[in-house]
N, C-alpha and C. Protein backbone atom coordinates (compact mmCIF):
# COMPACT_ATOMS: atom_id res chain seq x y z
N UNK A 1 -52.51 -7.73 26.23
CA UNK A 1 -53.16 -6.44 26.20
C UNK A 1 -52.09 -5.35 26.12
N UNK A 2 -52.32 -4.41 25.27
CA UNK A 2 -51.38 -3.29 25.13
C UNK A 2 -51.78 -2.17 26.08
N UNK A 3 -50.82 -1.71 26.87
CA UNK A 3 -51.04 -0.59 27.81
C UNK A 3 -50.67 0.75 27.19
N UNK A 4 -49.67 0.73 26.32
CA UNK A 4 -49.24 1.98 25.73
C UNK A 4 -48.30 1.78 24.56
N UNK A 5 -48.36 2.74 23.65
CA UNK A 5 -47.46 2.77 22.49
C UNK A 5 -46.86 4.17 22.44
N UNK A 6 -45.57 4.22 22.25
CA UNK A 6 -44.89 5.50 22.12
C UNK A 6 -44.04 5.51 20.86
N UNK A 7 -43.99 6.65 20.20
CA UNK A 7 -43.19 6.80 18.98
C UNK A 7 -42.41 8.11 19.11
N UNK A 8 -41.17 8.08 18.66
CA UNK A 8 -40.39 9.31 18.65
C UNK A 8 -39.48 9.29 17.43
N UNK A 9 -39.30 10.44 16.84
CA UNK A 9 -38.37 10.64 15.73
C UNK A 9 -37.53 11.88 16.06
N UNK A 10 -36.26 11.80 15.78
CA UNK A 10 -35.39 12.93 16.11
C UNK A 10 -34.31 13.09 15.03
N UNK A 11 -33.93 14.33 14.81
CA UNK A 11 -32.82 14.62 13.91
C UNK A 11 -31.52 14.33 14.65
N UNK A 12 -30.66 13.57 14.04
CA UNK A 12 -29.37 13.27 14.65
C UNK A 12 -28.58 14.55 14.92
N UNK A 13 -28.71 15.51 14.02
CA UNK A 13 -27.99 16.79 14.19
C UNK A 13 -28.40 17.54 15.44
N UNK A 14 -29.64 17.36 15.88
CA UNK A 14 -30.12 18.02 17.10
C UNK A 14 -29.36 17.52 18.33
N UNK A 15 -29.16 16.21 18.39
CA UNK A 15 -28.41 15.64 19.52
C UNK A 15 -26.93 16.02 19.41
N UNK A 16 -26.41 16.00 18.20
CA UNK A 16 -25.01 16.39 18.01
C UNK A 16 -24.78 17.84 18.49
N UNK A 17 -25.69 18.73 18.14
CA UNK A 17 -25.56 20.13 18.57
C UNK A 17 -25.65 20.26 20.08
N UNK A 18 -26.54 19.50 20.71
CA UNK A 18 -26.65 19.54 22.17
C UNK A 18 -25.39 19.04 22.84
N UNK A 19 -24.81 17.98 22.30
CA UNK A 19 -23.58 17.44 22.87
C UNK A 19 -22.43 18.43 22.68
N UNK A 20 -22.36 19.02 21.52
CA UNK A 20 -21.27 19.99 21.26
C UNK A 20 -21.43 21.24 22.11
N UNK A 21 -22.66 21.68 22.36
CA UNK A 21 -22.91 22.89 23.13
C UNK A 21 -22.77 22.66 24.64
N UNK A 22 -23.33 21.57 25.14
CA UNK A 22 -23.40 21.36 26.59
C UNK A 22 -22.45 20.29 27.10
N UNK A 23 -21.86 19.51 26.21
CA UNK A 23 -20.86 18.52 26.58
C UNK A 23 -21.30 17.53 27.63
N UNK A 24 -20.41 17.34 28.63
CA UNK A 24 -20.66 16.33 29.67
C UNK A 24 -21.92 16.64 30.48
N UNK A 25 -22.29 17.89 30.62
CA UNK A 25 -23.50 18.23 31.39
C UNK A 25 -24.72 17.58 30.73
N UNK A 26 -24.81 17.66 29.42
CA UNK A 26 -25.92 17.03 28.68
C UNK A 26 -25.80 15.52 28.73
N UNK A 27 -24.61 15.01 28.41
CA UNK A 27 -24.41 13.57 28.35
C UNK A 27 -24.72 12.89 29.67
N UNK A 28 -24.23 13.47 30.77
CA UNK A 28 -24.40 12.86 32.09
C UNK A 28 -25.81 13.01 32.64
N UNK A 29 -26.58 13.93 32.09
CA UNK A 29 -27.99 14.08 32.49
C UNK A 29 -28.87 13.03 31.82
N UNK A 30 -28.54 12.68 30.57
CA UNK A 30 -29.42 11.84 29.74
C UNK A 30 -29.02 10.36 29.76
N UNK A 31 -27.74 10.07 29.72
CA UNK A 31 -27.26 8.71 29.46
C UNK A 31 -26.60 8.06 30.66
N UNK A 32 -26.82 6.75 30.78
CA UNK A 32 -26.14 5.98 31.83
C UNK A 32 -24.68 5.78 31.41
N UNK A 33 -23.88 5.35 32.34
CA UNK A 33 -22.46 5.10 32.04
C UNK A 33 -22.28 4.05 30.96
N UNK A 34 -23.10 3.01 31.00
CA UNK A 34 -23.01 1.96 29.99
C UNK A 34 -23.41 2.49 28.60
N UNK A 35 -24.39 3.36 28.55
CA UNK A 35 -24.77 3.96 27.28
C UNK A 35 -23.66 4.85 26.73
N UNK A 36 -23.05 5.63 27.61
CA UNK A 36 -21.93 6.48 27.20
C UNK A 36 -20.78 5.64 26.64
N UNK A 37 -20.44 4.58 27.36
CA UNK A 37 -19.36 3.70 26.91
C UNK A 37 -19.67 3.10 25.55
N UNK A 38 -20.91 2.65 25.38
CA UNK A 38 -21.31 2.04 24.11
C UNK A 38 -21.23 3.04 22.96
N UNK A 39 -21.84 4.20 23.12
CA UNK A 39 -21.88 5.19 22.05
C UNK A 39 -20.51 5.68 21.66
N UNK A 40 -19.64 5.85 22.64
CA UNK A 40 -18.30 6.37 22.37
C UNK A 40 -17.45 5.41 21.54
N UNK A 41 -17.83 4.13 21.49
CA UNK A 41 -17.06 3.18 20.70
C UNK A 41 -17.49 3.13 19.24
N UNK A 42 -18.57 3.83 18.90
CA UNK A 42 -19.13 3.76 17.55
C UNK A 42 -18.56 4.84 16.65
N UNK A 43 -18.45 4.50 15.37
CA UNK A 43 -17.93 5.44 14.38
C UNK A 43 -18.82 6.68 14.30
N UNK A 44 -20.14 6.46 14.23
CA UNK A 44 -21.08 7.59 14.20
C UNK A 44 -21.78 7.65 15.56
N UNK A 45 -21.05 8.10 16.55
CA UNK A 45 -21.57 8.09 17.92
C UNK A 45 -22.82 8.93 18.09
N UNK A 46 -22.98 9.99 17.29
CA UNK A 46 -24.14 10.86 17.44
C UNK A 46 -25.44 10.14 17.03
N UNK A 47 -25.33 9.26 16.06
CA UNK A 47 -26.48 8.44 15.65
C UNK A 47 -26.92 7.54 16.81
N UNK A 48 -25.98 6.97 17.50
CA UNK A 48 -26.29 6.07 18.61
C UNK A 48 -26.81 6.83 19.83
N UNK A 49 -26.26 8.01 20.08
CA UNK A 49 -26.79 8.86 21.14
C UNK A 49 -28.24 9.27 20.81
N UNK A 50 -28.48 9.65 19.56
CA UNK A 50 -29.82 10.05 19.14
C UNK A 50 -30.82 8.90 19.28
N UNK A 51 -30.38 7.69 18.92
CA UNK A 51 -31.26 6.52 19.03
C UNK A 51 -31.67 6.28 20.48
N UNK A 52 -30.74 6.41 21.39
CA UNK A 52 -31.04 6.20 22.79
C UNK A 52 -31.93 7.32 23.36
N UNK A 53 -31.70 8.54 22.91
CA UNK A 53 -32.55 9.65 23.33
C UNK A 53 -33.98 9.43 22.84
N UNK A 54 -34.14 9.09 21.57
CA UNK A 54 -35.48 8.84 21.00
C UNK A 54 -36.15 7.65 21.68
N UNK A 55 -35.38 6.63 21.99
CA UNK A 55 -35.95 5.46 22.66
C UNK A 55 -36.51 5.84 24.03
N UNK A 56 -35.78 6.65 24.77
CA UNK A 56 -36.25 7.07 26.09
C UNK A 56 -37.52 7.91 25.96
N UNK A 57 -37.59 8.78 24.98
CA UNK A 57 -38.78 9.58 24.73
C UNK A 57 -39.98 8.66 24.39
N UNK A 58 -39.76 7.70 23.51
CA UNK A 58 -40.83 6.78 23.11
C UNK A 58 -41.31 5.95 24.30
N UNK A 59 -40.39 5.53 25.14
CA UNK A 59 -40.75 4.74 26.32
C UNK A 59 -41.58 5.57 27.28
N UNK A 60 -41.19 6.80 27.54
CA UNK A 60 -41.99 7.65 28.42
C UNK A 60 -43.38 7.86 27.85
N UNK A 61 -43.50 7.98 26.53
CA UNK A 61 -44.82 8.12 25.91
C UNK A 61 -45.64 6.85 26.07
N UNK A 62 -45.02 5.70 25.90
CA UNK A 62 -45.73 4.43 26.07
C UNK A 62 -46.18 4.23 27.51
N UNK A 63 -45.47 4.80 28.45
CA UNK A 63 -45.79 4.65 29.86
C UNK A 63 -46.63 5.82 30.39
N UNK A 64 -47.26 6.57 29.52
CA UNK A 64 -47.93 7.80 29.94
C UNK A 64 -48.92 7.60 31.06
N UNK A 65 -49.57 6.48 31.14
CA UNK A 65 -50.55 6.26 32.21
C UNK A 65 -49.89 5.82 33.51
N UNK A 66 -48.61 5.44 33.43
CA UNK A 66 -47.98 4.94 34.63
C UNK A 66 -46.69 5.64 34.96
N UNK A 67 -46.35 6.68 34.23
CA UNK A 67 -45.10 7.40 34.46
C UNK A 67 -45.12 8.06 35.83
N UNK A 68 -44.09 7.89 36.55
CA UNK A 68 -44.00 8.41 37.92
C UNK A 68 -43.21 9.71 37.96
N UNK A 69 -43.71 10.66 38.73
CA UNK A 69 -42.94 11.90 38.95
C UNK A 69 -41.66 11.53 39.66
N UNK A 70 -40.61 12.23 39.31
CA UNK A 70 -39.32 11.95 39.92
C UNK A 70 -38.46 11.03 39.08
N UNK A 71 -39.03 10.42 38.06
CA UNK A 71 -38.23 9.57 37.16
C UNK A 71 -37.31 10.49 36.34
N UNK A 72 -36.14 9.97 36.04
CA UNK A 72 -35.16 10.74 35.26
C UNK A 72 -34.82 9.99 33.99
N UNK A 73 -34.08 10.65 33.14
CA UNK A 73 -33.60 10.04 31.89
C UNK A 73 -32.81 8.77 32.18
N UNK A 74 -32.08 8.79 33.27
CA UNK A 74 -31.20 7.67 33.60
C UNK A 74 -31.94 6.49 34.23
N UNK A 75 -33.24 6.62 34.44
CA UNK A 75 -34.03 5.48 34.90
C UNK A 75 -34.32 4.51 33.76
N UNK A 76 -33.92 4.90 32.57
CA UNK A 76 -34.04 4.04 31.38
C UNK A 76 -32.65 3.85 30.78
N UNK A 77 -32.32 2.61 30.52
CA UNK A 77 -31.03 2.31 29.86
C UNK A 77 -31.32 1.46 28.64
N UNK A 78 -30.75 1.84 27.52
CA UNK A 78 -30.91 1.09 26.27
C UNK A 78 -29.60 0.34 26.02
N UNK A 79 -29.73 -0.94 25.74
CA UNK A 79 -28.55 -1.75 25.42
C UNK A 79 -28.92 -2.68 24.27
N UNK A 80 -27.92 -3.36 23.75
CA UNK A 80 -28.15 -4.26 22.62
C UNK A 80 -27.78 -5.68 23.00
N UNK A 81 -28.63 -6.61 22.57
CA UNK A 81 -28.33 -8.02 22.68
C UNK A 81 -27.16 -8.33 21.73
N UNK A 82 -26.48 -9.46 21.91
CA UNK A 82 -25.38 -9.80 21.00
C UNK A 82 -25.78 -9.81 19.52
N UNK A 83 -27.05 -10.10 19.24
CA UNK A 83 -27.51 -10.11 17.84
C UNK A 83 -27.88 -8.71 17.35
N UNK A 84 -27.73 -7.69 18.21
CA UNK A 84 -28.00 -6.32 17.81
C UNK A 84 -29.37 -5.80 18.23
N UNK A 85 -30.25 -6.68 18.68
CA UNK A 85 -31.59 -6.26 19.07
C UNK A 85 -31.55 -5.31 20.26
N UNK A 86 -32.20 -4.14 20.13
CA UNK A 86 -32.20 -3.20 21.25
C UNK A 86 -33.11 -3.68 22.37
N UNK A 87 -32.66 -3.50 23.59
CA UNK A 87 -33.42 -3.91 24.77
C UNK A 87 -33.43 -2.75 25.77
N UNK A 88 -34.31 -2.86 26.74
CA UNK A 88 -34.52 -1.80 27.73
C UNK A 88 -34.29 -2.36 29.13
N UNK A 89 -33.56 -1.59 29.92
CA UNK A 89 -33.37 -1.88 31.34
C UNK A 89 -33.94 -0.67 32.10
N UNK A 90 -34.84 -0.92 33.04
CA UNK A 90 -35.45 0.15 33.81
C UNK A 90 -34.97 0.12 35.24
N UNK A 91 -34.93 1.29 35.87
CA UNK A 91 -34.49 1.42 37.24
C UNK A 91 -35.53 2.18 38.04
N UNK A 92 -35.49 1.99 39.35
CA UNK A 92 -36.35 2.76 40.26
C UNK A 92 -37.83 2.45 40.05
N UNK A 93 -38.63 3.49 40.20
CA UNK A 93 -40.09 3.34 40.12
C UNK A 93 -40.55 2.87 38.75
N UNK A 94 -39.79 3.21 37.71
CA UNK A 94 -40.19 2.73 36.38
C UNK A 94 -40.13 1.21 36.32
N UNK A 95 -39.08 0.64 36.90
CA UNK A 95 -38.96 -0.82 36.94
C UNK A 95 -40.11 -1.43 37.74
N UNK A 96 -40.48 -0.80 38.85
CA UNK A 96 -41.59 -1.30 39.67
C UNK A 96 -42.91 -1.26 38.89
N UNK A 97 -43.09 -0.25 38.05
CA UNK A 97 -44.33 -0.12 37.28
C UNK A 97 -44.45 -1.22 36.22
N UNK A 98 -43.36 -1.53 35.57
CA UNK A 98 -43.41 -2.49 34.47
C UNK A 98 -43.38 -3.94 34.94
N UNK A 99 -42.58 -4.27 35.93
CA UNK A 99 -42.42 -5.66 36.35
C UNK A 99 -43.39 -6.00 37.47
N UNK A 100 -43.78 -7.24 37.63
CA UNK A 100 -43.40 -8.40 36.85
C UNK A 100 -44.40 -8.77 35.76
N UNK A 101 -45.53 -8.06 35.66
CA UNK A 101 -46.60 -8.50 34.77
C UNK A 101 -46.57 -7.87 33.37
N UNK A 102 -45.75 -6.86 33.17
CA UNK A 102 -45.73 -6.18 31.88
C UNK A 102 -44.37 -6.34 31.22
N UNK A 103 -44.35 -6.15 29.91
CA UNK A 103 -43.10 -6.20 29.17
C UNK A 103 -43.03 -4.96 28.25
N UNK A 104 -41.83 -4.52 27.99
CA UNK A 104 -41.59 -3.34 27.17
C UNK A 104 -40.66 -3.75 26.03
N UNK A 105 -41.09 -3.49 24.82
CA UNK A 105 -40.28 -3.79 23.63
C UNK A 105 -40.09 -2.50 22.84
N UNK A 106 -38.90 -2.38 22.23
CA UNK A 106 -38.63 -1.24 21.37
C UNK A 106 -38.10 -1.69 20.02
N UNK A 107 -38.30 -0.85 19.04
CA UNK A 107 -37.71 -1.06 17.73
C UNK A 107 -37.14 0.28 17.29
N UNK A 108 -35.88 0.26 16.81
CA UNK A 108 -35.21 1.50 16.42
C UNK A 108 -34.80 1.40 14.95
N UNK A 109 -34.91 2.52 14.26
CA UNK A 109 -34.50 2.58 12.87
C UNK A 109 -33.85 3.95 12.62
N UNK A 110 -32.92 3.98 11.68
CA UNK A 110 -32.26 5.26 11.40
C UNK A 110 -31.90 5.39 9.94
N UNK A 111 -31.75 6.64 9.54
CA UNK A 111 -31.23 6.99 8.21
C UNK A 111 -29.99 7.84 8.47
N UNK A 112 -29.51 8.49 7.46
CA UNK A 112 -28.35 9.37 7.65
C UNK A 112 -28.67 10.55 8.56
N UNK A 113 -29.94 10.99 8.58
CA UNK A 113 -30.30 12.21 9.28
C UNK A 113 -31.27 12.04 10.46
N UNK A 114 -31.99 10.93 10.49
CA UNK A 114 -33.04 10.76 11.50
C UNK A 114 -32.96 9.39 12.18
N UNK A 115 -33.51 9.37 13.41
CA UNK A 115 -33.70 8.12 14.13
C UNK A 115 -35.16 8.08 14.52
N UNK A 116 -35.79 6.92 14.35
CA UNK A 116 -37.19 6.71 14.80
C UNK A 116 -37.24 5.51 15.70
N UNK A 117 -38.08 5.59 16.74
CA UNK A 117 -38.21 4.52 17.69
C UNK A 117 -39.68 4.31 18.03
N UNK A 118 -40.07 3.04 18.16
CA UNK A 118 -41.40 2.68 18.62
C UNK A 118 -41.22 1.87 19.90
N UNK A 119 -42.02 2.17 20.90
CA UNK A 119 -42.01 1.42 22.16
C UNK A 119 -43.44 0.91 22.42
N UNK A 120 -43.52 -0.37 22.84
CA UNK A 120 -44.81 -0.95 23.15
C UNK A 120 -44.74 -1.55 24.55
N UNK A 121 -45.68 -1.19 25.39
CA UNK A 121 -45.80 -1.72 26.74
C UNK A 121 -47.04 -2.63 26.77
N UNK A 122 -46.86 -3.90 27.14
CA UNK A 122 -47.96 -4.85 27.09
C UNK A 122 -47.82 -5.89 28.22
N UNK A 123 -48.90 -6.61 28.47
CA UNK A 123 -48.84 -7.67 29.46
C UNK A 123 -48.16 -8.87 28.87
N UNK A 124 -47.40 -9.56 29.68
CA UNK A 124 -46.65 -10.73 29.23
C UNK A 124 -47.56 -11.88 28.84
N UNK A 125 -48.64 -12.06 29.55
CA UNK A 125 -49.51 -13.21 29.30
C UNK A 125 -50.60 -12.92 28.28
N UNK A 126 -50.64 -11.72 27.74
CA UNK A 126 -51.61 -11.36 26.71
C UNK A 126 -52.99 -10.98 27.25
N UNK A 127 -53.20 -10.98 28.52
CA UNK A 127 -54.49 -10.59 29.09
C UNK A 127 -54.51 -9.16 29.51
């Protein structure tokens, strides 16, 4: 059973401008340390920052019926499996909402200018 679907699309330039304008204040508000480390190793780091920002937005949309007040951007961490598949790690109340009976999957896609993400929250057993 699907509990929620979230979609987000963002211009990479929007995230680049925010990083250039607000620097560490923006980065440390939105991204976990592991996300920062990952993005900084990439040739087009702004694309990777934008993908993680859009993923967090899509996840919050998918969780709209269960989103808890007090959750922050850093309660969601996006990482990649060795094969490149994006995965989600949740912390705090968000983790409590999703586990153990629900699963969250994301798919990310990008072009030179945009990143799009879909998030689906569903029960693991299909009921």
